[in-house]
Amino acid sequence: MEMPIFAKFAKKYFEESEKDLERAIRAFNVNDYSQAVFYAQQ
């Protein structure tokens, strides 16, 4: 059975938020605080 459209959207949104968290952590680790905050708020 195929996933409903809202479930697909939620899955994609969650995957993208994981990427943003990784980007925020990388930026924080190199002391780029403005970028870290930007990605953390995405």
PDB file of N, CA and C in Angstrom:
ATOM      1  N   MET A   1       0.837  -1.189   0.000  1.00  0.00           N
ATOM      2  CA  MET A   1       0.000   0.000   0.000  1.00  0.00           C
ATOM      3  C   MET A   1       0.881   1.252   0.000  1.00  0.00           C
ATOM      4  N   GLU A   2       0.511   2.212  -0.775  1.00  0.00           N
ATOM      5  CA  GLU A   2       1.285   3.447  -0.886  1.00  0.00           C
ATOM      6  C   GLU A   2       1.002   4.366   0.307  1.00  0.00           C
ATOM      7  N   MET A   3       2.048   5.095   0.714  1.00  0.00           N
ATOM      8  CA  MET A   3       1.915   6.038   1.824  1.00  0.00           C
ATOM      9  C   MET A   3       1.024   7.210   1.431  1.00  0.00           C
ATOM     10  N   PRO A   4       0.183   7.665   2.351  1.00  0.00           N
ATOM     11  CA  PRO A   4      -0.597   8.880   2.065  1.00  0.00           C
ATOM     12  C   PRO A   4       0.334  10.074   1.856  1.00  0.00           C
ATOM     13  N   ILE A   5      -0.145  11.065   1.144  1.00  0.00           N
ATOM     14  CA  ILE A   5       0.673  12.232   0.792  1.00  0.00           C
ATOM     15  C   ILE A   5       1.196  12.949   2.035  1.00  0.00           C
ATOM     16  N   PHE A   6       0.384  13.016   3.084  1.00  0.00           N
ATOM     17  CA  PHE A   6       0.818  13.708   4.296  1.00  0.00           C
ATOM     18  C   PHE A   6       1.935  12.948   5.003  1.00  0.00           C
ATOM     19  N   ALA A   7       1.888  11.629   4.959  1.00  0.00           N
ATOM     20  CA  ALA A   7       2.949  10.815   5.556  1.00  0.00           C
ATOM     21  C   ALA A   7       4.247  10.990   4.771  1.00  0.00           C
ATOM     22  N   LYS A   8       4.143  11.064   3.440  1.00  0.00           N
ATOM     23  CA  LYS A   8       5.334  11.301   2.610  1.00  0.00           C
ATOM     24  C   LYS A   8       5.950  12.657   2.946  1.00  0.00           C
ATOM     25  N   PHE A   9       5.093  13.668   3.071  1.00  0.00           N
ATOM     26  CA  PHE A   9       5.564  15.009   3.405  1.00  0.00           C
ATOM     27  C   PHE A   9       6.255  15.010   4.766  1.00  0.00           C
ATOM     28  N   ALA A  10       5.645  14.370   5.750  1.00  0.00           N
ATOM     29  CA  ALA A  10       6.218  14.329   7.100  1.00  0.00           C
ATOM     30  C   ALA A  10       7.567  13.621   7.099  1.00  0.00           C
ATOM     31  N   LYS A  11       7.675  12.537   6.351  1.00  0.00           N
ATOM     32  CA  LYS A  11       8.937  11.789   6.272  1.00  0.00           C
ATOM     33  C   LYS A  11      10.030  12.654   5.646  1.00  0.00           C
ATOM     34  N   LYS A  12       9.692  13.315   4.557  1.00  0.00           N
ATOM     35  CA  LYS A  12      10.665  14.172   3.868  1.00  0.00           C
ATOM     36  C   LYS A  12      11.071  15.349   4.756  1.00  0.00           C
ATOM     37  N   TYR A  13      10.108  15.940   5.450  1.00  0.00           N
ATOM     38  CA  TYR A  13      10.372  17.062   6.357  1.00  0.00           C
ATOM     39  C   TYR A  13      11.328  16.625   7.466  1.00  0.00           C
ATOM     40  N   PHE A  14      11.102  15.443   8.028  1.00  0.00           N
ATOM     41  CA  PHE A  14      11.959  14.919   9.087  1.00  0.00           C
ATOM     42  C   PHE A  14      13.373  14.660   8.573  1.00  0.00           C
ATOM     43  N   GLU A  15      13.490  14.072   7.390  1.00  0.00           N
ATOM     44  CA  GLU A  15      14.812  13.803   6.815  1.00  0.00           C
ATOM     45  C   GLU A  15      15.580  15.102   6.591  1.00  0.00           C
ATOM     46  N   GLU A  16      14.898  16.122   6.113  1.00  0.00           N
ATOM     47  CA  GLU A  16      15.552  17.414   5.875  1.00  0.00           C
ATOM     48  C   GLU A  16      15.967  18.061   7.195  1.00  0.00           C
ATOM     49  N   SER A  17      15.156  17.901   8.224  1.00  0.00           N
ATOM     50  CA  SER A  17      15.510  18.477   9.528  1.00  0.00           C
ATOM     51  C   SER A  17      16.732  17.782  10.116  1.00  0.00           C
ATOM     52  N   GLU A  18      16.899  16.494   9.855  1.00  0.00           N
ATOM     53  CA  GLU A  18      18.110  15.793  10.303  1.00  0.00           C
ATOM     54  C   GLU A  18      19.345  16.373   9.615  1.00  0.00           C
ATOM     55  N   LYS A  19      19.228  16.666   8.321  1.00  0.00           N
ATOM     56  CA  LYS A  19      20.345  17.273   7.587  1.00  0.00           C
ATOM     57  C   LYS A  19      20.669  18.659   8.149  1.00  0.00           C
ATOM     58  N   ASP A  20      19.624  19.448   8.456  1.00  0.00           N
ATOM     59  CA  ASP A  20      19.844  20.780   9.029  1.00  0.00           C
ATOM     60  C   ASP A  20      20.540  20.685  10.381  1.00  0.00           C
ATOM     61  N   LEU A  21      20.176  19.688  11.181  1.00  0.00           N
ATOM     62  CA  LEU A  21      20.837  19.500  12.474  1.00  0.00           C
ATOM     63  C   LEU A  21      22.316  19.180  12.275  1.00  0.00           C
ATOM     64  N   GLU A  22      22.628  18.311  11.334  1.00  0.00           N
ATOM     65  CA  GLU A  22      24.027  17.984  11.044  1.00  0.00           C
ATOM     66  C   GLU A  22      24.792  19.227  10.595  1.00  0.00           C
ATOM     67  N   ARG A  23      24.170  20.040   9.748  1.00  0.00           N
ATOM     68  CA  ARG A  23      24.815  21.277   9.290  1.00  0.00           C
ATOM     69  C   ARG A  23      25.036  22.232  10.460  1.00  0.00           C
ATOM     70  N   ALA A  24      24.070  22.337  11.340  1.00  0.00           N
ATOM     71  CA  ALA A  24      24.195  23.217  12.504  1.00  0.00           C
ATOM     72  C   ALA A  24      25.330  22.757  13.410  1.00  0.00           C
ATOM     73  N   ILE A  25      25.439  21.475  13.631  1.00  0.00           N
ATOM     74  CA  ILE A  25      26.510  20.938  14.480  1.00  0.00           C
ATOM     75  C   ILE A  25      27.869  21.201  13.849  1.00  0.00           C
ATOM     76  N   ARG A  26      27.980  20.981  12.538  1.00  0.00           N
ATOM     77  CA  ARG A  26      29.257  21.255  11.857  1.00  0.00           C
ATOM     78  C   ARG A  26      29.629  22.727  11.977  1.00  0.00           C
ATOM     79  N   ALA A  27      28.675  23.615  11.754  1.00  0.00           N
ATOM     80  CA  ALA A  27      28.939  25.055  11.850  1.00  0.00           C
ATOM     81  C   ALA A  27      29.339  25.427  13.275  1.00  0.00           C
ATOM     82  N   PHE A  28      28.665  24.872  14.255  1.00  0.00           N
ATOM     83  CA  PHE A  28      28.982  25.153  15.658  1.00  0.00           C
ATOM     84  C   PHE A  28      30.398  24.691  15.992  1.00  0.00           C
ATOM     85  N   ASN A  29      30.786  23.539  15.476  1.00  0.00           N
ATOM     86  CA  ASN A  29      32.113  22.984  15.770  1.00  0.00           C
ATOM     87  C   ASN A  29      33.250  23.810  15.187  1.00  0.00           C
ATOM     88  N   VAL A  30      32.974  24.617  14.174  1.00  0.00           N
ATOM     89  CA  VAL A  30      34.014  25.489  13.613  1.00  0.00           C
ATOM     90  C   VAL A  30      33.795  26.939  14.039  1.00  0.00           C
ATOM     91  N   ASN A  31      33.001  27.116  15.098  1.00  0.00           N
ATOM     92  CA  ASN A  31      32.745  28.435  15.696  1.00  0.00           C
ATOM     93  C   ASN A  31      32.039  29.412  14.758  1.00  0.00           C
ATOM     94  N   ASP A  32      31.281  28.897  13.831  1.00  0.00           N
ATOM     95  CA  ASP A  32      30.474  29.753  12.953  1.00  0.00           C
ATOM     96  C   ASP A  32      29.063  29.811  13.539  1.00  0.00           C
ATOM     97  N   TYR A  33      28.934  30.620  14.584  1.00  0.00           N
ATOM     98  CA  TYR A  33      27.705  30.620  15.369  1.00  0.00           C
ATOM     99  C   TYR A  33      26.492  31.141  14.602  1.00  0.00           C
ATOM    100  N   SER A  34      26.696  32.126  13.733  1.00  0.00           N
ATOM    101  CA  SER A  34      25.540  32.638  12.985  1.00  0.00           C
ATOM    102  C   SER A  34      24.975  31.560  12.054  1.00  0.00           C
ATOM    103  N   GLN A  35      25.840  30.794  11.408  1.00  0.00           N
ATOM    104  CA  GLN A  35      25.368  29.703  10.553  1.00  0.00           C
ATOM    105  C   GLN A  35      24.729  28.599  11.391  1.00  0.00           C
ATOM    106  N   ALA A  36      25.308  28.318  12.547  1.00  0.00           N
ATOM    107  CA  ALA A  36      24.747  27.287  13.427  1.00  0.00           C
ATOM    108  C   ALA A  36      23.326  27.652  13.836  1.00  0.00           C
ATOM    109  N   VAL A  37      23.128  28.909  14.205  1.00  0.00           N
ATOM    110  CA  VAL A  37      21.784  29.361  14.593  1.00  0.00           C
ATOM    111  C   VAL A  37      20.839  29.301  13.397  1.00  0.00           C
ATOM    112  N   PHE A  38      21.323  29.713  12.232  1.00  0.00           N
ATOM    113  CA  PHE A  38      20.493  29.672  11.025  1.00  0.00           C
ATOM    114  C   PHE A  38      19.991  28.256  10.759  1.00  0.00           C
ATOM    115  N   TYR A  39      20.894  27.279  10.747  1.00  0.00           N
ATOM    116  CA  TYR A  39      20.485  25.907  10.466  1.00  0.00           C
ATOM    117  C   TYR A  39      19.645  25.324  11.592  1.00  0.00           C
ATOM    118  N   ALA A  40      19.919  25.715  12.823  1.00  0.00           N
ATOM    119  CA  ALA A  40      19.134  25.206  13.949  1.00  0.00           C
ATOM    120  C   ALA A  40      17.689  25.691  13.878  1.00  0.00           C
ATOM    121  N   GLN A  41      17.471  26.859  13.281  1.00  0.00           N
ATOM    122  CA  GLN A  41      16.118  27.414  13.198  1.00  0.00           C
ATOM    123  C   GLN A  41      15.350  26.932  11.972  1.00  0.00           C
ATOM    124  N   GLN A  42      16.008  26.260  11.077  1.00  0.00           N
ATOM    125  CA  GLN A  42      15.336  25.804   9.853  1.00  0.00           C
ATOM    126  C   GLN A  42      14.266  24.789  10.155  1.00  0.00           C
TER     127      GLN A  42
END
